[in-house]
C-alpha atoms as a PDB file:
ATOM      1  CA  MET A   1     115.940  28.723 233.331  1.00  0.00           C
ATOM      2  CA  LYS A   2     119.414  28.460 231.457  1.00  0.00           C
ATOM      3  CA  LYS A   3     119.814  32.230 231.594  1.00  0.00           C
ATOM      4  CA  GLU A   4     118.636  32.522 235.124  1.00  0.00           C
ATOM      5  CA  LEU A   5     120.903  29.636 236.474  1.00  0.00           C
ATOM      6  CA  GLY A   6     123.979  32.206 234.117  1.00  0.00           C
ATOM      7  CA  ILE A   7     123.355  35.236 236.023  1.00  0.00           C
ATOM      8  CA  GLY A   8     122.686  33.645 239.180  1.00  0.00           C
ATOM      9  CA  LEU A   9     126.373  32.166 239.185  1.00  0.00           C
ATOM     10  CA  LEU A  10     127.889  35.379 238.052  1.00  0.00           C
ATOM     11  CA  LEU A  11     125.926  37.389 240.513  1.00  0.00           C
ATOM     12  CA  LEU A  12     127.693  35.020 243.140  1.00  0.00           C
ATOM     13  CA  MET A  13     130.826  34.813 241.558  1.00  0.00           C
ATOM     14  CA  VAL A  14     131.046  39.279 241.755  1.00  0.00           C
ATOM     15  CA  CYS A  15     129.785  38.737 245.406  1.00  0.00           C
ATOM     16  CA  GLY A  16     132.331  36.104 246.333  1.00  0.00           C
ATOM     17  CA  VAL A  17     135.682  38.691 244.647  1.00  0.00           C
ATOM     18  CA  MET A  18     134.456  41.301 246.550  1.00  0.00           C
ATOM     19  CA  THR A  19     133.952  39.445 249.978  1.00  0.00           C
ATOM     20  CA  PHE A  20     137.721  39.109 248.821  1.00  0.00           C
ATOM     21  CA  LEU A  21     138.938  42.303 248.217  1.00  0.00           C
ATOM     22  CA  GLU A  22     136.545  44.451 250.204  1.00  0.00           C
ATOM     23  CA  PRO A  23     135.086  42.266 253.320  1.00  0.00           C
ATOM     24  CA  ALA A  24     134.879  44.744 255.621  1.00  0.00           C
ATOM     25  CA  SER A  25     132.954  47.148 253.286  1.00  0.00           C
ATOM     26  CA  PHE A  26     130.969  44.787 250.951  1.00  0.00           C
ATOM     27  CA  LEU A  27     129.503  43.103 253.729  1.00  0.00           C
ATOM     28  CA  SER A  28     128.836  45.737 256.341  1.00  0.00           C
ATOM     29  CA  LYS A  29     125.382  46.484 257.506  1.00  0.00           C
ATOM     30  CA  GLU A  30     125.416  49.554 256.640  1.00  0.00           C
ATOM     31  CA  ASN A  31     126.021  48.282 253.000  1.00  0.00           C
ATOM     32  CA  LEU A  32     124.415  45.350 252.396  1.00  0.00           C
ATOM     33  CA  GLN A  33     120.998  46.991 253.695  1.00  0.00           C
ATOM     34  CA  ASN A  34     121.754  49.920 250.965  1.00  0.00           C
ATOM     35  CA  LEU A  35     122.654  47.962 248.530  1.00  0.00           C
ATOM     36  CA  ALA A  36     119.277  45.889 249.440  1.00  0.00           C
ATOM     37  CA  THR A  37     117.497  49.129 249.604  1.00  0.00           C
ATOM     38  CA  LEU A  38     118.855  50.100 245.590  1.00  0.00           C
ATOM     39  CA  ILE A  39     118.164  46.619 244.512  1.00  0.00           C
ATOM     40  CA  GLY A  40     114.085  47.121 245.644  1.00  0.00           C
ATOM     41  CA  MET A  41     114.084  50.559 244.092  1.00  0.00           C
ATOM     42  CA  PHE A  42     115.429  49.782 240.618  1.00  0.00           C
ATOM     43  CA  GLY A  43     114.137  46.282 240.426  1.00  0.00           C
ATOM     44  CA  VAL A  44     110.798  47.211 240.546  1.00  0.00           C
ATOM     45  CA  PHE A  45     110.621  49.338 237.765  1.00  0.00           C
ATOM     46  CA  SER A  46     113.113  47.090 236.185  1.00  0.00           C
ATOM     47  CA  ILE A  47     110.184  44.670 236.038  1.00  0.00           C
ATOM     48  CA  GLY A  48     107.940  46.964 234.099  1.00  0.00           C
ATOM     49  CA  ALA A  49     110.625  47.462 231.669  1.00  0.00           C
ATOM     50  CA  GLY A  50     111.018  44.007 231.014  1.00  0.00           C
ATOM     51  CA  VAL A  51     107.806  43.653 230.544  1.00  0.00           C
ATOM     52  CA  VAL A  52     107.449  46.180 227.961  1.00  0.00           C
ATOM     53  CA  ILE A  53     110.981  44.412 226.599  1.00  0.00           C
ATOM     54  CA  ILE A  54     108.700  40.831 226.588  1.00  0.00           C
ATOM     55  CA  THR A  55     106.678  42.425 223.390  1.00  0.00           C
ATOM     56  CA  SER A  56     109.358  43.630 221.603  1.00  0.00           C
ATOM     57  CA  GLY A  57     109.126  47.437 222.826  1.00  0.00           C
ATOM     58  CA  ILE A  58     110.844  49.393 225.031  1.00  0.00           C
ATOM     59  CA  ASP A  59     110.266  52.474 227.192  1.00  0.00           C
ATOM     60  CA  LEU A  60     112.693  55.235 227.212  1.00  0.00           C
ATOM     61  CA  SER A  61     110.814  57.520 229.267  1.00  0.00           C
ATOM     62  CA  ILE A  62     111.098  56.381 232.225  1.00  0.00           C
ATOM     63  CA  GLY A  63     113.542  58.162 234.300  1.00  0.00           C
ATOM     64  CA  SER A  64     112.062  61.834 232.535  1.00  0.00           C
ATOM     65  CA  VAL A  65     108.186  60.624 234.220  1.00  0.00           C
ATOM     66  CA  PHE A  66     110.429  60.418 237.284  1.00  0.00           C
ATOM     67  CA  ALA A  67     111.469  63.602 237.836  1.00  0.00           C
ATOM     68  CA  LEU A  68     108.126  64.453 236.345  1.00  0.00           C
ATOM     69  CA  GLN A  69     106.332  62.769 238.639  1.00  0.00           C
ATOM     70  CA  GLY A  70     108.404  63.842 241.407  1.00  0.00           C
ATOM     71  CA  VAL A  71     108.368  67.378 241.656  1.00  0.00           C
ATOM     72  CA  VAL A  72     104.261  67.186 240.845  1.00  0.00           C
ATOM     73  CA  PHE A  73     103.874  65.405 244.011  1.00  0.00           C
ATOM     74  CA  CYS A  74     106.477  67.721 245.882  1.00  0.00           C
ATOM     75  CA  MET A  75     104.287  70.449 244.900  1.00  0.00           C
ATOM     76  CA  MET A  76     100.994  69.113 245.402  1.00  0.00           C
ATOM     77  CA  LEU A  77     102.662  68.866 249.078  1.00  0.00           C
ATOM     78  CA  GLN A  78     103.482  72.406 248.849  1.00  0.00           C
ATOM     79  CA  GLY A  79     100.100  72.856 248.105  1.00  0.00           C
ATOM     80  CA  GLY A  80      98.382  72.020 251.304  1.00  0.00           C
ATOM     81  CA  TYR A  81      97.216  68.845 249.642  1.00  0.00           C
ATOM     82  CA  GLY A  82      97.480  65.758 251.899  1.00  0.00           C
ATOM     83  CA  TRP A  83     100.110  62.803 250.898  1.00  0.00           C
ATOM     84  CA  PRO A  84      97.241  60.010 249.987  1.00  0.00           C
ATOM     85  CA  THR A  85      96.045  62.514 247.146  1.00  0.00           C
ATOM     86  CA  ALA A  86      99.361  63.411 246.013  1.00  0.00           C
ATOM     87  CA  LEU A  87      99.865  60.197 245.814  1.00  0.00           C
ATOM     88  CA  ALA A  88      96.760  59.353 244.333  1.00  0.00           C
ATOM     89  CA  LEU A  89      96.539  61.644 241.843  1.00  0.00           C
ATOM     90  CA  THR A  90     100.145  60.968 240.753  1.00  0.00           C
ATOM     91  CA  THR A  91      99.709  57.561 239.879  1.00  0.00           C
ATOM     92  CA  LEU A  92      96.610  58.296 237.979  1.00  0.00           C
ATOM     93  CA  GLY A  93      98.656  60.321 236.100  1.00  0.00           C
ATOM     94  CA  MET A  94     101.445  57.809 235.429  1.00  0.00           C
ATOM     95  CA  VAL A  95      98.674  55.500 234.513  1.00  0.00           C
ATOM     96  CA  PHE A  96      97.290  58.257 231.993  1.00  0.00           C
ATOM     97  CA  VAL A  97     100.620  58.375 230.439  1.00  0.00           C
ATOM     98  CA  GLY A  98     100.818  54.853 230.043  1.00  0.00           C
ATOM     99  CA  LEU A  99      97.827  54.765 228.035  1.00  0.00           C
ATOM    100  CA  ILE A 100      98.805  57.286 225.827  1.00  0.00           C
ATOM    101  CA  HIS A 101     102.306  55.581 225.118  1.00  0.00           C
ATOM    102  CA  GLY A 102      99.487  52.383 224.106  1.00  0.00           C
ATOM    103  CA  PHE A 103      97.453  54.091 222.276  1.00  0.00           C
ATOM    104  CA  LEU A 104     100.313  55.861 219.900  1.00  0.00           C
ATOM    105  CA  ILE A 105     102.186  52.488 219.679  1.00  0.00           C
ATOM    106  CA  ALA A 106      99.309  50.159 219.316  1.00  0.00           C
ATOM    107  CA  GLN A 107      96.810  51.455 217.960  1.00  0.00           C
ATOM    108  CA  LEU A 108      98.260  54.250 216.005  1.00  0.00           C
ATOM    109  CA  ASN A 109     101.739  51.781 215.235  1.00  0.00           C
ATOM    110  CA  LEU A 110     103.804  54.537 215.903  1.00  0.00           C
ATOM    111  CA  GLN A 111     107.456  52.496 216.916  1.00  0.00           C
ATOM    112  CA  PRO A 112     107.844  52.183 220.952  1.00  0.00           C
ATOM    113  CA  PHE A 113     111.558  54.169 220.335  1.00  0.00           C
ATOM    114  CA  ILE A 114     109.909  57.259 218.963  1.00  0.00           C
ATOM    115  CA  VAL A 115     107.034  57.511 221.365  1.00  0.00           C
ATOM    116  CA  THR A 116     108.984  56.957 224.475  1.00  0.00           C
ATOM    117  CA  LEU A 117     112.160  59.185 223.269  1.00  0.00           C
ATOM    118  CA  CYS A 118     109.470  61.351 222.913  1.00  0.00           C
ATOM    119  CA  GLY A 119     108.124  61.105 225.585  1.00  0.00           C
ATOM    120  CA  LEU A 120     111.755  61.697 227.317  1.00  0.00           C
ATOM    121  CA  LEU A 121     112.126  65.080 226.082  1.00  0.00           C
ATOM    122  CA  PHE A 122     108.699  65.966 226.807  1.00  0.00           C
ATOM    123  CA  TYR A 123     108.367  65.102 230.164  1.00  0.00           C
ATOM    124  CA  ARG A 124     111.801  66.192 231.474  1.00  0.00           C
ATOM    125  CA  GLY A 125     111.418  69.531 229.627  1.00  0.00           C
ATOM    126  CA  LEU A 126     107.800  69.782 231.401  1.00  0.00           C
ATOM    127  CA  ALA A 127     109.522  68.904 234.658  1.00  0.00           C
ATOM    128  CA  ARG A 128     111.998  71.612 234.125  1.00  0.00           C
ATOM    129  CA  PHE A 129     109.323  74.079 232.978  1.00  0.00           C
ATOM    130  CA  ILE A 130     107.019  73.725 235.876  1.00  0.00           C
ATOM    131  CA  THR A 131     109.463  74.226 238.310  1.00  0.00           C
ATOM    132  CA  ASP A 132     111.344  76.773 236.881  1.00  0.00           C
ATOM    133  CA  GLU A 133     114.369  74.849 237.393  1.00  0.00           C
ATOM    134  CA  GLN A 134     114.166  74.517 240.918  1.00  0.00           C
ATOM    135  CA  THR A 135     114.645  71.862 243.231  1.00  0.00           C
ATOM    136  CA  LYS A 136     111.791  70.859 245.083  1.00  0.00           C
ATOM    137  CA  GLY A 137     111.575  68.716 248.745  1.00  0.00           C
ATOM    138  CA  LEU A 138     109.406  66.809 250.599  1.00  0.00           C
ATOM    139  CA  GLY A 139     109.070  69.153 253.691  1.00  0.00           C
ATOM    140  CA  ALA A 140     108.376  68.182 257.428  1.00  0.00           C
ATOM    141  CA  THR A 141     105.103  66.792 256.721  1.00  0.00           C
ATOM    142  CA  ASN A 142     104.240  63.265 258.637  1.00  0.00           C
ATOM    143  CA  TYR A 143     103.884  60.782 255.496  1.00  0.00           C
ATOM    144  CA  GLY A 144     103.302  58.045 257.620  1.00  0.00           C
ATOM    145  CA  VAL A 145     102.879  54.548 256.185  1.00  0.00           C
ATOM    146  CA  LEU A 146     103.810  56.043 252.872  1.00  0.00           C
ATOM    147  CA  GLU A 147     107.242  57.039 254.880  1.00  0.00           C
ATOM    148  CA  TYR A 148     107.319  53.509 256.220  1.00  0.00           C
ATOM    149  CA  CYS A 149     106.863  51.996 253.095  1.00  0.00           C
ATOM    150  CA  ALA A 150     109.555  53.972 251.587  1.00  0.00           C
ATOM    151  CA  THR A 151     112.220  54.249 253.994  1.00  0.00           C
ATOM    152  CA  GLY A 152     111.504  51.610 256.661  1.00  0.00           C
ATOM    153  CA  LYS A 153     112.593  48.252 257.242  1.00  0.00           C
ATOM    154  CA  LEU A 154     111.160  45.331 258.201  1.00  0.00           C
ATOM    155  CA  GLY A 155     113.245  44.022 260.452  1.00  0.00           C
ATOM    156  CA  PRO A 156     116.522  43.795 258.837  1.00  0.00           C
ATOM    157  CA  VAL A 157     115.437  44.131 255.581  1.00  0.00           C
ATOM    158  CA  PRO A 158     114.887  47.734 254.021  1.00  0.00           C
ATOM    159  CA  MET A 159     110.976  48.019 252.666  1.00  0.00           C
ATOM    160  CA  PRO A 160     111.593  48.884 248.990  1.00  0.00           C
ATOM    161  CA  PHE A 161     112.990  45.198 248.591  1.00  0.00           C
ATOM    162  CA  VAL A 162     110.103  43.862 250.576  1.00  0.00           C
ATOM    163  CA  LEU A 163     108.021  45.897 248.066  1.00  0.00           C
ATOM    164  CA  LEU A 164     109.912  44.426 245.450  1.00  0.00           C
ATOM    165  CA  ILE A 165     109.517  41.227 245.988  1.00  0.00           C
ATOM    166  CA  ILE A 166     105.860  41.620 246.188  1.00  0.00           C
ATOM    167  CA  VAL A 167     105.728  43.300 242.617  1.00  0.00           C
ATOM    168  CA  ALA A 168     108.008  40.549 241.588  1.00  0.00           C
ATOM    169  CA  VAL A 169     105.470  38.016 243.313  1.00  0.00           C
ATOM    170  CA  ILE A 170     102.468  39.478 241.499  1.00  0.00           C
ATOM    171  CA  MET A 171     104.103  40.236 238.090  1.00  0.00           C
ATOM    172  CA  GLY A 172     105.274  36.166 238.459  1.00  0.00           C
ATOM    173  CA  VAL A 173     101.739  35.607 238.226  1.00  0.00           C
ATOM    174  CA  VAL A 174     101.070  37.448 235.690  1.00  0.00           C
ATOM    175  CA  LEU A 175     103.498  36.551 233.328  1.00  0.00           C
ATOM    176  CA  HIS A 176     103.474  32.767 234.512  1.00  0.00           C
ATOM    177  CA  GLY A 177     100.909  32.142 235.183  1.00  0.00           C
ATOM    178  CA  SER A 178      98.278  34.073 233.097  1.00  0.00           C
ATOM    179  CA  VAL A 179      96.103  33.758 229.545  1.00  0.00           C
ATOM    180  CA  TYR A 180      97.613  37.933 229.451  1.00  0.00           C
ATOM    181  CA  GLY A 181     101.617  36.706 230.003  1.00  0.00           C
ATOM    182  CA  ARG A 182     100.840  33.913 227.456  1.00  0.00           C
ATOM    183  CA  TYR A 183      99.540  36.197 224.668  1.00  0.00           C
ATOM    184  CA  LEU A 184     102.470  38.733 226.176  1.00  0.00           C
ATOM    185  CA  TYR A 185     105.080  36.240 225.042  1.00  0.00           C
ATOM    186  CA  ALA A 186     103.204  34.934 221.553  1.00  0.00           C
ATOM    187  CA  ILE A 187     102.789  38.987 220.814  1.00  0.00           C
ATOM    188  CA  GLY A 188     106.415  38.913 221.488  1.00  0.00           C
ATOM    189  CA  ARG A 189     107.751  36.341 219.598  1.00  0.00           C
ATOM    190  CA  ASN A 190     105.107  36.957 215.820  1.00  0.00           C
ATOM    191  CA  GLU A 191     102.712  40.182 216.664  1.00  0.00           C
ATOM    192  CA  GLU A 192     100.979  38.854 213.270  1.00  0.00           C
ATOM    193  CA  ALA A 193     100.128  35.528 213.934  1.00  0.00           C
ATOM    194  CA  ALA A 194      99.490  36.161 217.536  1.00  0.00           C
ATOM    195  CA  ARG A 195      96.767  38.707 215.923  1.00  0.00           C
ATOM    196  CA  TYR A 196      95.636  35.692 213.345  1.00  0.00           C
ATOM    197  CA  SER A 197      95.700  33.235 215.836  1.00  0.00           C
ATOM    198  CA  GLY A 198      92.581  35.810 217.264  1.00  0.00           C
ATOM    199  CA  ILE A 199      94.682  37.669 219.949  1.00  0.00           C
ATOM    200  CA  ASN A 200      93.663  41.622 220.646  1.00  0.00           C
ATOM    201  CA  THR A 201      97.461  41.878 220.265  1.00  0.00           C
ATOM    202  CA  LYS A 202      96.759  46.189 220.863  1.00  0.00           C
ATOM    203  CA  VAL A 203      95.161  45.856 223.910  1.00  0.00           C
ATOM    204  CA  ILE A 204      97.649  43.318 225.402  1.00  0.00           C
ATOM    205  CA  ILE A 205     100.398  45.884 224.243  1.00  0.00           C
ATOM    206  CA  GLY A 206      98.728  48.579 225.347  1.00  0.00           C
ATOM    207  CA  VAL A 207      98.298  47.200 228.960  1.00  0.00           C
ATOM    208  CA  ALA A 208     102.238  46.508 229.074  1.00  0.00           C
ATOM    209  CA  TYR A 209     102.862  49.805 228.640  1.00  0.00           C
ATOM    210  CA  VAL A 210     100.299  50.845 231.625  1.00  0.00           C
ATOM    211  CA  ILE A 211     102.202  48.318 233.511  1.00  0.00           C
ATOM    212  CA  SER A 212     105.524  49.975 232.644  1.00  0.00           C
ATOM    213  CA  MET A 213     104.026  53.329 234.325  1.00  0.00           C
ATOM    214  CA  ILE A 214     102.295  51.442 237.565  1.00  0.00           C
ATOM    215  CA  THR A 215     105.987  49.810 238.323  1.00  0.00           C
ATOM    216  CA  ALA A 216     107.696  53.443 237.650  1.00  0.00           C
ATOM    217  CA  SER A 217     105.573  55.152 239.797  1.00  0.00           C
ATOM    218  CA  ILE A 218     105.554  53.093 242.391  1.00  0.00           C
ATOM    219  CA  SER A 219     110.053  53.449 242.104  1.00  0.00           C
ATOM    220  CA  GLY A 220     109.512  57.154 241.842  1.00  0.00           C
ATOM    221  CA  ILE A 221     107.637  57.965 245.437  1.00  0.00           C
ATOM    222  CA  LEU A 222     110.796  55.768 246.717  1.00  0.00           C
ATOM    223  CA  PHE A 223     113.265  57.531 244.551  1.00  0.00           C
ATOM    224  CA  VAL A 224     111.968  60.992 246.014  1.00  0.00           C
ATOM    225  CA  PHE A 225     112.010  59.640 249.347  1.00  0.00           C
ATOM    226  CA  TYR A 226     115.534  58.329 249.106  1.00  0.00           C
ATOM    227  CA  SER A 227     116.654  61.363 247.972  1.00  0.00           C
ATOM    228  CA  ASP A 228     114.336  63.901 250.106  1.00  0.00           C
ATOM    229  CA  SER A 229     114.531  66.096 247.071  1.00  0.00           C
ATOM    230  CA  VAL A 230     114.240  66.457 243.159  1.00  0.00           C
ATOM    231  CA  LEU A 231     116.512  68.524 240.657  1.00  0.00           C
ATOM    232  CA  PRO A 232     114.376  68.390 237.921  1.00  0.00           C
ATOM    233  CA  SER A 233     117.125  68.615 235.426  1.00  0.00           C
ATOM    234  CA  SER A 234     119.202  65.568 236.651  1.00  0.00           C
ATOM    235  CA  HIS A 235     116.309  63.618 239.051  1.00  0.00           C
ATOM    236  CA  GLY A 236     116.103  59.975 237.096  1.00  0.00           C
ATOM    237  CA  ASN A 237     118.848  60.678 234.605  1.00  0.00           C
ATOM    238  CA  PHE A 238     119.549  57.135 232.792  1.00  0.00           C
ATOM    239  CA  TYR A 239     117.294  55.566 234.936  1.00  0.00           C
ATOM    240  CA  GLU A 240     115.679  54.072 232.238  1.00  0.00           C
ATOM    241  CA  LEU A 241     119.153  52.741 230.720  1.00  0.00           C
ATOM    242  CA  TYR A 242     119.224  50.699 234.266  1.00  0.00           C
ATOM    243  CA  GLY A 243     115.934  48.983 233.646  1.00  0.00           C
ATOM    244  CA  ILE A 244     116.578  47.891 230.113  1.00  0.00           C
ATOM    245  CA  ALA A 245     120.117  46.702 231.413  1.00  0.00           C
ATOM    246  CA  ALA A 246     118.652  45.037 234.253  1.00  0.00           C
ATOM    247  CA  ALA A 247     115.851  42.894 231.789  1.00  0.00           C
ATOM    248  CA  VAL A 248     118.236  42.324 229.014  1.00  0.00           C
ATOM    249  CA  LEU A 249     121.129  41.311 231.661  1.00  0.00           C
ATOM    250  CA  GLY A 250     118.400  39.452 233.114  1.00  0.00           C
ATOM    251  CA  GLY A 251     117.110  37.136 229.751  1.00  0.00           C
ATOM    252  CA  CYS A 252     114.851  39.840 228.157  1.00  0.00           C
ATOM    253  CA  SER A 253     115.781  39.316 224.883  1.00  0.00           C
ATOM    254  CA  LEU A 254     115.441  42.908 222.594  1.00  0.00           C
ATOM    255  CA  ARG A 255     113.702  41.303 220.113  1.00  0.00           C
ATOM    256  CA  GLY A 256     110.886  39.829 222.130  1.00  0.00           C
ATOM    257  CA  GLY A 257     109.564  37.004 223.186  1.00  0.00           C
ATOM    258  CA  GLU A 258     111.617  36.194 225.717  1.00  0.00           C
ATOM    259  CA  GLY A 259     112.304  37.088 229.802  1.00  0.00           C
ATOM    260  CA  SER A 260     111.447  36.097 233.123  1.00  0.00           C
ATOM    261  CA  ILE A 261     110.951  37.506 236.588  1.00  0.00           C
ATOM    262  CA  LEU A 262     113.316  35.841 237.947  1.00  0.00           C
ATOM    263  CA  GLY A 263     115.713  36.727 235.481  1.00  0.00           C
ATOM    264  CA  ILE A 264     114.885  40.015 235.956  1.00  0.00           C
ATOM    265  CA  LEU A 265     115.341  40.428 239.330  1.00  0.00           C
ATOM    266  CA  LEU A 266     118.723  38.549 239.038  1.00  0.00           C
ATOM    267  CA  GLY A 267     120.221  41.268 236.508  1.00  0.00           C
ATOM    268  CA  THR A 268     118.804  44.359 238.701  1.00  0.00           C
ATOM    269  CA  ALA A 269     121.394  42.415 241.760  1.00  0.00           C
ATOM    270  CA  LEU A 270     124.190  42.052 239.965  1.00  0.00           C
ATOM    271  CA  LEU A 271     123.903  45.459 237.763  1.00  0.00           C
ATOM    272  CA  GLN A 272     123.456  46.766 241.426  1.00  0.00           C
ATOM    273  CA  VAL A 273     125.917  44.623 242.915  1.00  0.00           C
ATOM    274  CA  LEU A 274     128.759  45.546 239.889  1.00  0.00           C
ATOM    275  CA  GLN A 275     128.055  49.699 240.881  1.00  0.00           C
ATOM    276  CA  ASN A 276     128.244  49.036 244.308  1.00  0.00           C
ATOM    277  CA  ALA A 277     131.912  47.346 243.378  1.00  0.00           C
ATOM    278  CA  VAL A 278     132.809  50.481 241.632  1.00  0.00           C
ATOM    279  CA  ASN A 279     132.282  52.618 244.604  1.00  0.00           C
ATOM    280  CA  LEU A 280     133.976  50.487 246.717  1.00  0.00           C
ATOM    281  CA  LEU A 281     136.874  49.449 245.523  1.00  0.00           C
ATOM    282  CA  PRO A 282     139.970  51.933 246.073  1.00  0.00           C
ATOM    283  CA  HIS A 283     141.297  52.218 242.773  1.00  0.00           C
ATOM    284  CA  ALA A 284     138.291  52.502 240.787  1.00  0.00           C
ATOM    285  CA  LYS A 285     136.338  55.843 240.043  1.00  0.00           C
ATOM    286  CA  SER A 286     132.286  56.308 240.484  1.00  0.00           C
ATOM    287  CA  SER A 287     132.099  57.723 236.877  1.00  0.00           C
ATOM    288  CA  LEU A 288     132.722  54.092 235.676  1.00  0.00           C
ATOM    289  CA  GLN A 289     129.201  53.041 236.768  1.00  0.00           C
ATOM    290  CA  LEU A 290     127.959  54.329 233.476  1.00  0.00           C
ATOM    291  CA  CYS A 291     130.724  52.127 231.676  1.00  0.00           C
ATOM    292  CA  VAL A 292     129.766  49.407 233.512  1.00  0.00           C
ATOM    293  CA  MET A 293     125.969  49.756 232.186  1.00  0.00           C
ATOM    294  CA  GLY A 294     126.995  50.022 229.224  1.00  0.00           C
ATOM    295  CA  ALA A 295     129.372  47.278 229.401  1.00  0.00           C
ATOM    296  CA  VAL A 296     126.269  44.694 230.684  1.00  0.00           C
ATOM    297  CA  ILE A 297     123.768  46.097 228.069  1.00  0.00           C
ATOM    298  CA  LEU A 298     126.798  44.933 225.144  1.00  0.00           C
ATOM    299  CA  LEU A 299     126.898  41.314 227.375  1.00  0.00           C
ATOM    300  CA  GLY A 300     123.341  40.904 227.594  1.00  0.00           C
ATOM    301  CA  ALA A 301     122.994  41.665 223.498  1.00  0.00           C
ATOM    302  CA  LEU A 302     126.078  39.047 222.614  1.00  0.00           C
ATOM    303  CA  LEU A 303     124.766  36.565 224.884  1.00  0.00           C
ATOM    304  CA  ASP A 304     121.167  36.767 223.665  1.00  0.00           C
ATOM    305  CA  GLN A 305     122.739  36.516 219.653  1.00  0.00           C
ATOM    306  CA  TRP A 306     125.087  33.255 220.859  1.00  0.00           C
ATOM    307  CA  LEU A 307     121.631  31.608 222.079  1.00  0.00           C
ATOM    308  CA  LYS A 308     119.603  32.482 219.311  1.00  0.00           C
ATOM    309  CA  THR A 309     122.927  31.223 216.914  1.00  0.00           C
ATOM    310  CA  ARG A 310     122.926  28.382 218.227  1.00  0.00           C
ATOM    311  CA  GLN A 311     119.478  27.633 218.698  1.00  0.00           C
ATOM    312  CA  ARG A 312     118.752  27.721 214.722  1.00  0.00           C
ATOM    313  CA  LYS A 313     122.362  25.717 214.427  1.00  0.00           C
ATOM    314  CA  GLY A 314     120.164  23.129 217.051  1.00  0.00           C
ATOM    315  CA  LYS A 315     117.158  23.334 214.795  1.00  0.00           C
ATOM    316  CA  GLY A 316     118.881  23.029 211.132  1.00  0.00           C
ATOM    317  CA  ALA A 317     120.661  19.813 212.442  1.00  0.00           C
END
């Protein structure tokens, strides 16, 4: 809990500074609701990215999958499919992508970096090819409950944030209260030892990549409604890095075997608050957002290395 406590205090400090510097803008109802919406959308797939990182893996394909899922969803709607059919088929497609990643990584022992980097290129290229580089929109269809879940509010709280809490509770039980979660951490700490102890490491790792794609599927639909259209060349660009940054900042070690759902939530919130601060501060430029993300990933890696060094010294003593 030390990492989570530290990130929580840092989040409170950043919020306090923004409240002091830009109280009218930062504390406005519109800004807080938009911030909660973004935390919800980014937090859902960051949880999936964190699950993969706990296995000592990585998923670089998430942003490109957003583009592919988004254009296919919109094209199915324009082709006369109802939104329940389009939602079901695109979600099944994402599960299939997760199964492919899991098979290549767990069964064929390919490096996660290589597999998901190839996915990053392939899915983006496929999205651009099938749309002929054209923007795809949602249209004027009545989406009912789906639109409410993507853009509605539960009282003053945006529904994407509510969905994040639901996903976080479910994944919290899976990670911290189930046999699968214990196996996942064991594999991240030492895959070979886990395999010799009788754990089916291939299945556990494969399921982690399926979970990543399921959470990405939920976020992907939210992003489509948030932007109301999908430009295949740019939709979801760098979003996989946001997920990785949020997970690492929240305490998921890139070496594997460490991390918590609470930490990922706090990491997502801190990352979004920092980016919101960049947008609100009068002398800052929005282009600094990528600088903030890069600094956050480096900070998380340095913190992880420092904690590992302290643990080794403590054991040596």
